[in-house]
Amino acid sequence: MKTYVHARLAKPDRDVLERLKRSTGRTESEIVRRGLQLVAAEEGRATSALALAARSVGRFNKGPKDLSTNRKHLDGFGE
């Protein structure tokens, strides 16, 4: 059974759809199906540590400011 989807597109989105139709030679339905596949694949992707840390990256005020560049912080590390 076919399912029909109706979407309201703003002018910029309609322009993108028309440009994709011309440049790829695909139909609107093919473009929408491909878009759904891409979104589904993105949802299944593992999230990076940076993405998980998100807003907390670079927000800590305590601790040495030169931790990544000053070798003295490595003295005794791993002993």
Protein backbone atom coordinates (compact mmCIF):
# COMPACT_ATOMS: atom_id res chain seq x y z
CA MET A 1 0.00 0.00 0.00
CA LYS A 2 1.35 3.41 -0.91
CA THR A 3 1.49 6.16 1.65
CA TYR A 4 1.25 9.75 0.60
CA VAL A 5 2.96 12.54 2.49
CA HIS A 6 2.00 16.17 2.10
CA ALA A 7 4.50 18.75 3.23
CA ARG A 8 4.31 22.51 3.37
CA LEU A 9 7.56 23.95 2.12
CA ALA A 10 8.69 27.53 2.49
CA LYS A 11 10.08 29.22 -0.61
CA PRO A 12 13.74 28.46 0.22
CA ASP A 13 12.91 24.76 0.67
CA ARG A 14 10.92 24.69 -2.57
CA ASP A 15 13.88 26.27 -4.34
CA VAL A 16 16.21 23.60 -2.96
CA LEU A 17 13.82 20.86 -4.06
CA GLU A 18 13.58 22.29 -7.58
CA ARG A 19 17.37 22.67 -7.81
CA LEU A 20 17.83 19.04 -6.68
CA LYS A 21 15.28 17.82 -9.21
CA ARG A 22 17.10 19.62 -12.03
CA SER A 23 20.62 18.65 -10.97
CA THR A 24 19.91 14.99 -10.15
CA GLY A 25 17.11 14.19 -12.56
CA ARG A 26 15.23 12.53 -9.70
CA THR A 27 11.58 12.96 -8.87
CA GLU A 28 10.34 14.73 -5.76
CA SER A 29 9.41 11.35 -4.28
CA GLU A 30 12.89 9.95 -4.87
CA ILE A 31 14.50 12.98 -3.26
CA VAL A 32 12.21 12.77 -0.22
CA ARG A 33 12.84 9.03 0.17
CA ARG A 34 16.60 9.61 -0.02
CA GLY A 35 16.30 12.37 2.58
CA LEU A 36 14.47 10.00 4.92
CA GLN A 37 17.21 7.40 4.48
CA LEU A 38 19.90 9.96 5.29
CA VAL A 39 18.12 11.16 8.43
CA ALA A 40 17.57 7.56 9.58
CA ALA A 41 21.26 6.76 9.05
CA GLU A 42 22.28 9.86 10.98
CA GLU A 43 20.05 8.90 13.91
CA GLY A 44 21.69 5.48 14.12
CA ARG A 45 25.21 6.89 14.18
CA ALA A 46 27.21 6.82 17.39
CA THR A 47 27.65 10.18 19.04
CA SER A 48 31.16 11.51 19.57
CA ALA A 49 32.54 12.38 22.99
CA LEU A 50 32.73 16.01 21.90
CA ALA A 51 29.05 16.03 20.93
CA LEU A 52 28.12 14.43 24.25
CA ALA A 53 30.16 17.00 26.21
CA ALA A 54 28.56 19.77 24.11
CA ARG A 55 28.22 22.96 26.15
CA SER A 56 30.60 21.92 28.92
CA VAL A 57 33.64 21.95 26.60
CA GLY A 58 35.97 24.75 27.60
CA ARG A 59 33.83 25.91 30.50
CA PHE A 60 35.90 24.70 33.43
CA ASN A 61 37.71 27.49 35.28
CA LYS A 62 39.73 25.37 37.71
CA GLY A 63 42.85 23.44 36.85
CA PRO A 64 46.07 24.33 35.07
CA LYS A 65 45.66 26.38 31.92
CA ASP A 66 48.77 24.83 30.33
CA LEU A 67 47.92 21.18 30.97
CA SER A 68 48.30 20.16 27.34
CA THR A 69 51.54 22.05 26.69
CA ASN A 70 53.58 21.98 29.90
CA ARG A 71 55.53 18.71 30.32
CA LYS A 72 56.03 19.26 34.07
CA HIS A 73 52.43 18.09 34.54
CA LEU A 74 53.58 14.65 33.33
CA ASP A 75 56.24 14.24 36.06
CA GLY A 76 55.53 10.97 37.86
CA PHE A 77 52.67 10.05 35.53
CA GLY A 78 52.39 6.29 35.07
CA GLU A 79 54.77 5.39 37.91
